[in-house]
Amino acid sequence: MRVLAIDTALEACSAAVLDTEQGGIVAHEQMPMQRGHAEALMPLIKRVMDHAGLAFTELDRVAVTIGPGSFTGLRVGIAAARGIALAAGKPAVGLSTLAAYATPLIAADDTIPVVAAIDARHEQVYLQVFGPGGRTLVAPRIAPLREAVRAAANSGAPRIVGTAAELIAAAWPADERKPRAVEQKGAPDIDWVAQVGAAVADTGVAPRPLYLKAPDAQPQEATQLSRR
């Protein structure tokens, strides 16, 4: 299977090509950035596809992270994935950013719980808690920091990964077993996004953003024109 993976959900603009017949990742690029994904993504994808030596029509699918993450970043990546898939006549599949964070840790040792956590700002955290075998203990959600810490601590002594990993570790209860590992990462590893993208089921439904919360910016009622 040949998969083009795209991730613009958080603090990086990334793409990779996985070719299972060639033994794995054949091209990838991951550029750390806070903003500017829209301008950087398509040139980056072209470089990765050129390095892989593939045409878009030679892909089997396009995979993209659907969130949670930056509202703007998610729209950029999903729009690109859907556009490329449509033009190439291939399916597009989505995977959560939280699962992309957790998968390499679960693959390394699936007996130790994993907490994938993303900073949602304003003392809130997106999180998902995975137990033995990668089983979901706490489904993807947004929660106040204290609630997120309690959910993480209830899993035992987990490994924590994501943009909010250090935030959760700093608020860890003194009477609970400390996390086994804390890995602060601005974005998931794009190689693992590709591998998860190859494994997820194709539902036939185009990827859509997984926001988990309303946007911070809301229309101001005072500026709206009254209807007649």
Protein backbone atom coordinates (compact mmCIF):
# COMPACT_ATOMS: atom_id res chain seq x y z
CA MET A 1 0.00 0.00 0.00
CA ARG A 2 1.17 3.49 -0.86
CA VAL A 3 -0.02 6.23 1.47
CA LEU A 4 0.53 9.97 1.43
CA ALA A 5 0.22 11.26 5.01
CA ILE A 6 -0.42 14.91 5.88
CA ASP A 7 -0.34 16.66 9.24
CA THR A 8 -0.92 20.37 9.85
CA ALA A 9 -2.98 20.03 13.04
CA LEU A 10 -0.50 21.50 15.51
CA GLU A 11 3.04 22.90 15.56
CA ALA A 12 4.38 21.39 12.35
CA CYS A 13 3.70 21.13 8.64
CA SER A 14 4.44 17.56 7.61
CA ALA A 15 4.02 14.98 4.88
CA ALA A 16 5.31 11.47 4.31
CA VAL A 17 4.93 8.67 1.79
CA LEU A 18 4.66 5.10 3.04
CA ASP A 19 5.17 2.24 0.60
CA THR A 20 4.65 -1.10 2.31
CA GLU A 21 6.05 -2.98 -0.69
CA GLN A 22 9.29 -0.99 -0.38
CA GLY A 23 9.54 -1.69 3.34
CA GLY A 24 8.21 1.49 4.91
CA ILE A 25 8.65 5.25 4.68
CA VAL A 26 10.25 6.28 1.38
CA ALA A 27 10.07 10.07 1.82
CA HIS A 28 9.12 12.50 4.56
CA GLU A 29 9.51 16.08 5.69
CA GLN A 30 8.45 17.73 8.94
CA MET A 31 8.79 21.50 9.37
CA PRO A 32 8.15 22.92 12.87
CA MET A 33 5.92 26.00 12.67
CA GLN A 34 3.25 27.79 14.66
CA ARG A 35 1.50 29.35 11.65
CA GLY A 36 1.90 29.58 7.88
CA HIS A 37 0.81 26.00 7.16
CA ALA A 38 -1.35 27.06 4.20
CA GLU A 39 1.61 28.56 2.36
CA ALA A 40 4.06 25.80 3.22
CA LEU A 41 2.00 22.65 2.73
CA MET A 42 1.64 22.19 -1.04
CA PRO A 43 5.32 22.91 -1.85
CA LEU A 44 6.27 20.50 0.95
CA ILE A 45 3.98 17.78 -0.43
CA LYS A 46 5.49 18.25 -3.90
CA ARG A 47 9.01 17.81 -2.52
CA VAL A 48 8.00 14.65 -0.68
CA MET A 49 6.22 13.17 -3.69
CA ASP A 50 9.17 14.03 -5.96
CA HIS A 51 11.56 12.37 -3.53
CA ALA A 52 9.34 9.29 -3.42
CA GLY A 53 9.27 9.26 -7.23
CA LEU A 54 5.51 8.82 -7.34
CA ALA A 55 2.60 10.44 -9.10
CA PHE A 56 -0.52 11.12 -7.04
CA THR A 57 -2.41 8.57 -9.14
CA GLU A 58 0.03 5.88 -7.95
CA LEU A 59 -1.08 6.32 -4.34
CA ASP A 60 -3.60 3.97 -2.74
CA ARG A 61 -4.91 6.52 -0.25
CA VAL A 62 -4.30 9.87 1.42
CA ALA A 63 -4.28 10.06 5.22
CA VAL A 64 -4.63 13.22 7.30
CA THR A 65 -4.84 14.16 10.96
CA ILE A 66 -8.32 15.51 11.71
CA GLY A 67 -7.77 16.88 15.21
CA PRO A 68 -8.08 17.99 17.81
CA GLY A 69 -5.73 20.84 17.05
CA SER A 70 -5.56 24.29 15.55
CA PHE A 71 -8.79 25.28 13.81
CA THR A 72 -6.90 26.85 10.90
CA GLY A 73 -4.29 24.10 10.69
CA LEU A 74 -6.89 21.36 10.58
CA ARG A 75 -8.77 22.99 7.75
CA VAL A 76 -5.56 23.39 5.73
CA GLY A 77 -4.53 19.75 6.01
CA ILE A 78 -7.99 18.28 5.50
CA ALA A 79 -8.71 20.48 2.49
CA ALA A 80 -5.41 19.43 0.90
CA ALA A 81 -6.02 15.74 1.58
CA ARG A 82 -9.54 15.84 0.20
CA GLY A 83 -8.47 17.81 -2.87
CA ILE A 84 -5.57 15.50 -3.70
CA ALA A 85 -7.72 12.41 -3.15
CA LEU A 86 -10.48 13.76 -5.36
CA ALA A 87 -8.11 14.73 -8.17
CA ALA A 88 -6.27 11.38 -8.02
CA GLY A 89 -9.44 9.32 -7.68
CA LYS A 90 -8.23 7.79 -4.40
CA PRO A 91 -9.82 7.54 -0.93
CA ALA A 92 -8.94 9.94 1.89
CA VAL A 93 -8.95 8.74 5.49
CA GLY A 94 -8.72 10.67 8.74
CA LEU A 95 -7.11 9.81 12.05
CA SER A 96 -7.11 11.65 15.34
CA THR A 97 -4.08 13.62 16.44
CA LEU A 98 -4.29 11.96 19.85
CA ALA A 99 -4.08 8.47 18.35
CA ALA A 100 -1.15 9.55 16.19
CA TYR A 101 0.68 10.73 19.31
CA ALA A 102 -0.02 7.55 21.26
CA THR A 103 0.61 4.88 18.63
CA PRO A 104 4.44 4.78 18.69
CA LEU A 105 4.44 4.48 22.49
CA ILE A 106 1.84 1.71 22.38
CA ALA A 107 3.83 -0.06 19.67
CA ALA A 108 6.97 0.12 21.83
CA ASP A 109 5.22 -1.31 24.91
CA ASP A 110 1.48 -1.89 25.03
CA THR A 111 1.45 -2.90 28.71
CA ILE A 112 1.98 0.65 30.04
CA PRO A 113 -0.84 3.23 29.81
CA VAL A 114 -0.42 6.22 27.52
CA VAL A 115 -1.94 9.66 27.94
CA ALA A 116 -2.02 11.76 24.77
CA ALA A 117 -2.59 15.40 25.71
CA ILE A 118 -2.82 18.60 23.68
CA ASP A 119 -2.90 22.10 25.14
CA ALA A 120 -6.33 23.62 24.37
CA ARG A 121 -5.39 26.88 26.16
CA HIS A 122 -7.31 28.64 28.91
CA GLU A 123 -6.39 25.90 31.41
CA GLN A 124 -8.01 23.23 29.24
CA VAL A 125 -6.58 20.08 27.68
CA TYR A 126 -7.59 17.71 24.91
CA LEU A 127 -6.79 14.20 26.02
CA GLN A 128 -7.26 10.51 25.43
CA VAL A 129 -6.10 7.78 27.80
CA PHE A 130 -5.03 4.40 26.44
CA GLY A 131 -4.70 1.29 28.60
CA PRO A 132 -3.05 -2.10 28.04
CA GLY A 133 -3.22 -3.26 24.45
CA GLY A 134 -4.04 0.26 23.29
CA ARG A 135 -7.58 0.01 24.65
CA THR A 136 -9.23 3.41 25.17
CA LEU A 137 -9.84 4.12 28.86
CA VAL A 138 -10.86 7.76 28.42
CA ALA A 139 -12.33 8.72 25.05
CA PRO A 140 -11.12 11.88 23.28
CA ARG A 141 -12.43 14.92 25.10
CA ILE A 142 -11.64 18.44 26.22
CA ALA A 143 -11.39 18.91 29.97
CA PRO A 144 -10.18 21.46 32.53
CA LEU A 145 -6.55 20.85 33.45
CA ARG A 146 -7.38 19.50 36.94
CA GLU A 147 -9.89 17.04 35.53
CA ALA A 148 -7.43 15.95 32.86
CA VAL A 149 -4.75 15.35 35.49
CA ARG A 150 -7.15 13.23 37.55
CA ALA A 151 -8.07 11.15 34.52
CA ALA A 152 -4.40 10.65 33.68
CA ALA A 153 -3.44 9.78 37.26
CA ASN A 154 -6.25 7.22 37.50
CA SER A 155 -4.53 5.15 34.83
CA GLY A 156 -1.58 4.49 37.16
CA ALA A 157 1.91 5.63 36.19
CA PRO A 158 1.43 6.35 32.48
CA ARG A 159 3.59 7.75 29.75
CA ILE A 160 2.41 11.22 28.71
CA VAL A 161 2.93 12.65 25.23
CA GLY A 162 1.80 15.77 23.39
CA THR A 163 1.89 19.53 23.59
CA ALA A 164 0.37 19.43 27.08
CA ALA A 165 2.59 16.66 28.46
CA GLU A 166 4.69 18.94 30.65
CA LEU A 167 1.60 20.90 31.69
CA ILE A 168 -0.04 17.74 33.05
CA ALA A 169 3.19 16.51 34.63
CA ALA A 170 3.66 19.83 36.46
CA ALA A 171 0.17 19.56 37.98
CA TRP A 172 0.55 15.88 38.93
CA PRO A 173 -0.80 15.04 42.43
CA ALA A 174 1.95 14.55 44.99
CA ASP A 175 0.26 11.45 46.39
CA GLU A 176 0.05 9.64 43.04
CA ARG A 177 2.69 7.56 41.31
CA LYS A 178 4.71 9.77 38.99
CA PRO A 179 4.44 9.33 35.21
CA ARG A 180 6.95 6.88 33.78
CA ALA A 181 7.83 9.26 30.95
CA VAL A 182 6.89 12.77 29.84
CA GLU A 183 7.42 13.55 26.16
CA GLN A 184 6.63 17.14 25.18
CA LYS A 185 6.09 17.11 21.41
CA GLY A 186 4.75 19.88 19.19
CA ALA A 187 3.30 17.44 16.66
CA PRO A 188 2.97 13.70 16.07
CA ASP A 189 5.69 11.88 14.16
CA ILE A 190 4.61 12.04 10.51
CA ASP A 191 6.01 8.56 9.84
CA TRP A 192 3.55 7.16 12.38
CA VAL A 193 0.72 9.22 10.90
CA ALA A 194 1.41 7.37 7.65
CA GLN A 195 1.49 3.98 9.34
CA VAL A 196 -1.75 4.57 11.23
CA GLY A 197 -3.25 5.98 8.03
CA ALA A 198 -2.48 2.71 6.27
CA ALA A 199 -4.16 0.70 9.03
CA VAL A 200 -7.40 2.62 9.61
CA ALA A 201 -10.56 1.49 7.86
CA ASP A 202 -11.76 3.39 4.83
CA THR A 203 -15.34 4.32 5.71
CA GLY A 204 -15.98 5.99 2.40
CA VAL A 205 -16.70 9.26 4.21
CA ALA A 206 -14.41 12.22 3.53
CA PRO A 207 -12.33 13.33 6.54
CA ARG A 208 -13.85 16.08 8.68
CA PRO A 209 -12.35 18.11 11.53
CA LEU A 210 -12.55 16.71 15.04
CA TYR A 211 -12.66 20.00 16.95
CA LEU A 212 -14.00 18.88 20.38
CA LYS A 213 -14.72 22.52 21.25
CA ALA A 214 -16.20 25.67 19.74
CA PRO A 215 -13.81 28.25 18.25
CA ASP A 216 -12.42 30.89 20.59
CA ALA A 217 -13.46 33.68 18.23
CA GLN A 218 -17.23 34.17 18.17
CA PRO A 219 -19.33 36.61 16.12
CA GLN A 220 -20.18 39.76 18.04
CA GLU A 221 -23.91 40.22 18.31
CA ALA A 222 -23.57 44.01 18.34
CA THR A 223 -22.02 44.00 14.88
CA GLN A 224 -24.70 41.90 13.24
CA LEU A 225 -27.28 43.59 11.06
CA SER A 226 -30.84 43.09 12.11
CA ARG A 227 -33.09 41.14 9.80
CA ARG A 228 -36.12 42.82 8.29
